[in-house]
Amino acid sequence: MDDTADRVAAAVLAVGSVAALHGGKFGEVATYLPGRRVEGVRLSYPGAQVHVTAYPDGPLHDVAEQIRAAVAPLVGEPVDVTIEDVVARGPLLSP
């Protein structure tokens, strides 16, 4: 299970419009492993739940589909994707 959660996290973060994994409102979305946790990834067999913060590069539905396509080969279907937040790229400049 260690390897699978880490591979899912890496696949999600490789999607260009994903800014970060997101642990949910109270940090409850995670895979708990000995001595650590992989936030934003909850494995179920088959499938997984993935929660992310995304960049607004285009339709968020497309971002979710890209995440599903990246994760499904690793864990099977279904892959439930929740976009928890959207953030701008780069530093925000104050006026």
C-alpha atoms as a PDB file:
ATOM      1  CA  MET A   1       0.000   0.000   0.000  1.00  0.00           C
ATOM      2  CA  ASP A   2       2.920   2.419   0.694  1.00  0.00           C
ATOM      3  CA  ASP A   3       4.070   2.290  -2.873  1.00  0.00           C
ATOM      4  CA  THR A   4       0.579   2.628  -4.373  1.00  0.00           C
ATOM      5  CA  ALA A   5      -0.349   5.766  -2.417  1.00  0.00           C
ATOM      6  CA  ASP A   6       2.975   7.374  -3.288  1.00  0.00           C
ATOM      7  CA  ARG A   7       2.621   6.452  -6.966  1.00  0.00           C
ATOM      8  CA  VAL A   8      -0.923   7.867  -7.053  1.00  0.00           C
ATOM      9  CA  ALA A   9       0.278  11.103  -5.424  1.00  0.00           C
ATOM     10  CA  ALA A  10       3.128  11.417  -7.951  1.00  0.00           C
ATOM     11  CA  ALA A  11       0.771  10.771 -10.888  1.00  0.00           C
ATOM     12  CA  VAL A  12      -1.665  13.416  -9.654  1.00  0.00           C
ATOM     13  CA  LEU A  13       1.068  16.002  -9.092  1.00  0.00           C
ATOM     14  CA  ALA A  14       2.383  15.350 -12.621  1.00  0.00           C
ATOM     15  CA  VAL A  15      -0.889  16.689 -14.073  1.00  0.00           C
ATOM     16  CA  GLY A  16       0.019  20.211 -15.184  1.00  0.00           C
ATOM     17  CA  SER A  17      -3.069  21.927 -13.768  1.00  0.00           C
ATOM     18  CA  VAL A  18      -2.674  20.434 -10.279  1.00  0.00           C
ATOM     19  CA  ALA A  19      -1.112  22.832  -7.778  1.00  0.00           C
ATOM     20  CA  ALA A  20      -1.121  20.436  -4.806  1.00  0.00           C
ATOM     21  CA  LEU A  21      -2.843  17.549  -3.106  1.00  0.00           C
ATOM     22  CA  HIS A  22      -5.464  18.675  -0.578  1.00  0.00           C
ATOM     23  CA  GLY A  23      -6.307  16.899   2.672  1.00  0.00           C
ATOM     24  CA  GLY A  24      -9.903  18.115   2.837  1.00  0.00           C
ATOM     25  CA  LYS A  25     -11.474  20.577   5.253  1.00  0.00           C
ATOM     26  CA  PHE A  26     -10.121  18.836   8.355  1.00  0.00           C
ATOM     27  CA  GLY A  27      -7.234  16.884   6.808  1.00  0.00           C
ATOM     28  CA  GLU A  28      -9.351  13.734   6.751  1.00  0.00           C
ATOM     29  CA  VAL A  29      -8.567  12.740   3.166  1.00  0.00           C
ATOM     30  CA  ALA A  30      -5.386  10.700   3.400  1.00  0.00           C
ATOM     31  CA  THR A  31      -3.856   7.280   3.217  1.00  0.00           C
ATOM     32  CA  TYR A  32      -2.468   6.509   6.664  1.00  0.00           C
ATOM     33  CA  LEU A  33       0.814   4.623   6.660  1.00  0.00           C
ATOM     34  CA  PRO A  34       3.211   3.672   9.456  1.00  0.00           C
ATOM     35  CA  GLY A  35       4.763   6.918  10.648  1.00  0.00           C
ATOM     36  CA  ARG A  36       3.280   9.124   7.937  1.00  0.00           C
ATOM     37  CA  ARG A  37       0.309   9.859   5.722  1.00  0.00           C
ATOM     38  CA  VAL A  38      -0.213  10.702   2.076  1.00  0.00           C
ATOM     39  CA  GLU A  39      -2.584  13.668   2.142  1.00  0.00           C
ATOM     40  CA  GLY A  40      -5.157  14.036  -0.613  1.00  0.00           C
ATOM     41  CA  VAL A  41      -5.181  10.338  -1.552  1.00  0.00           C
ATOM     42  CA  ARG A  42      -7.592   7.822  -0.060  1.00  0.00           C
ATOM     43  CA  LEU A  43      -7.211   4.334  -1.502  1.00  0.00           C
ATOM     44  CA  SER A  44     -10.103   1.909  -1.809  1.00  0.00           C
ATOM     45  CA  TYR A  45      -9.981  -1.334  -3.699  1.00  0.00           C
ATOM     46  CA  PRO A  46     -10.730  -0.949  -6.469  1.00  0.00           C
ATOM     47  CA  GLY A  47     -10.315   2.767  -7.030  1.00  0.00           C
ATOM     48  CA  ALA A  48      -9.391   5.853  -5.060  1.00  0.00           C
ATOM     49  CA  GLN A  49     -10.473   9.287  -3.933  1.00  0.00           C
ATOM     50  CA  VAL A  50      -8.217  12.182  -4.852  1.00  0.00           C
ATOM     51  CA  HIS A  51      -8.580  15.745  -3.530  1.00  0.00           C
ATOM     52  CA  VAL A  52      -6.561  18.553  -5.101  1.00  0.00           C
ATOM     53  CA  THR A  53      -5.945  22.272  -5.386  1.00  0.00           C
ATOM     54  CA  ALA A  54      -5.922  23.233  -9.063  1.00  0.00           C
ATOM     55  CA  TYR A  55      -4.777  26.069 -11.292  1.00  0.00           C
ATOM     56  CA  PRO A  56      -7.510  27.698 -13.405  1.00  0.00           C
ATOM     57  CA  ASP A  57      -5.850  26.779 -16.713  1.00  0.00           C
ATOM     58  CA  GLY A  58      -9.108  25.720 -18.319  1.00  0.00           C
ATOM     59  CA  PRO A  59     -12.324  23.894 -17.481  1.00  0.00           C
ATOM     60  CA  LEU A  60     -11.982  22.163 -14.118  1.00  0.00           C
ATOM     61  CA  HIS A  61     -13.874  19.194 -15.542  1.00  0.00           C
ATOM     62  CA  ASP A  62     -10.927  18.653 -17.887  1.00  0.00           C
ATOM     63  CA  VAL A  63      -8.503  18.740 -14.941  1.00  0.00           C
ATOM     64  CA  ALA A  64     -10.573  16.080 -13.167  1.00  0.00           C
ATOM     65  CA  GLU A  65     -10.565  13.907 -16.299  1.00  0.00           C
ATOM     66  CA  GLN A  66      -6.776  14.221 -16.623  1.00  0.00           C
ATOM     67  CA  ILE A  67      -6.396  13.138 -12.993  1.00  0.00           C
ATOM     68  CA  ARG A  68      -8.716  10.148 -13.539  1.00  0.00           C
ATOM     69  CA  ALA A  69      -6.741   9.120 -16.620  1.00  0.00           C
ATOM     70  CA  ALA A  70      -3.445   9.320 -14.693  1.00  0.00           C
ATOM     71  CA  VAL A  71      -4.667   7.423 -11.616  1.00  0.00           C
ATOM     72  CA  ALA A  72      -6.975   4.710 -13.018  1.00  0.00           C
ATOM     73  CA  PRO A  73      -4.146   2.528 -14.408  1.00  0.00           C
ATOM     74  CA  LEU A  74      -2.625   2.437 -10.913  1.00  0.00           C
ATOM     75  CA  VAL A  75      -5.715   1.594  -8.851  1.00  0.00           C
ATOM     76  CA  GLY A  76      -8.571   0.731 -11.211  1.00  0.00           C
ATOM     77  CA  GLU A  77     -11.961   2.387 -11.368  1.00  0.00           C
ATOM     78  CA  PRO A  78     -13.640   4.384  -9.909  1.00  0.00           C
ATOM     79  CA  VAL A  79     -11.385   7.370  -9.327  1.00  0.00           C
ATOM     80  CA  ASP A  80     -13.361  10.082  -7.558  1.00  0.00           C
ATOM     81  CA  VAL A  81     -11.791  13.525  -7.948  1.00  0.00           C
ATOM     82  CA  THR A  82     -12.658  16.523  -5.779  1.00  0.00           C
ATOM     83  CA  ILE A  83     -11.231  19.931  -6.593  1.00  0.00           C
ATOM     84  CA  GLU A  84     -11.125  21.538  -3.164  1.00  0.00           C
ATOM     85  CA  ASP A  85      -9.619  24.887  -4.155  1.00  0.00           C
ATOM     86  CA  VAL A  86      -8.372  26.909  -7.117  1.00  0.00           C
ATOM     87  CA  VAL A  87      -5.267  29.118  -6.921  1.00  0.00           C
ATOM     88  CA  ALA A  88      -3.513  31.452  -9.343  1.00  0.00           C
ATOM     89  CA  ARG A  89      -0.110  30.561 -10.729  1.00  0.00           C
ATOM     90  CA  GLY A  90       2.893  32.506  -9.473  1.00  0.00           C
ATOM     91  CA  PRO A  91       3.169  35.103  -6.759  1.00  0.00           C
ATOM     92  CA  LEU A  92       0.297  37.465  -6.195  1.00  0.00           C
ATOM     93  CA  LEU A  93       1.380  41.078  -6.374  1.00  0.00           C
ATOM     94  CA  SER A  94      -0.205  43.605  -4.062  1.00  0.00           C
ATOM     95  CA  PRO A  95      -1.184  46.962  -5.569  1.00  0.00           C
END
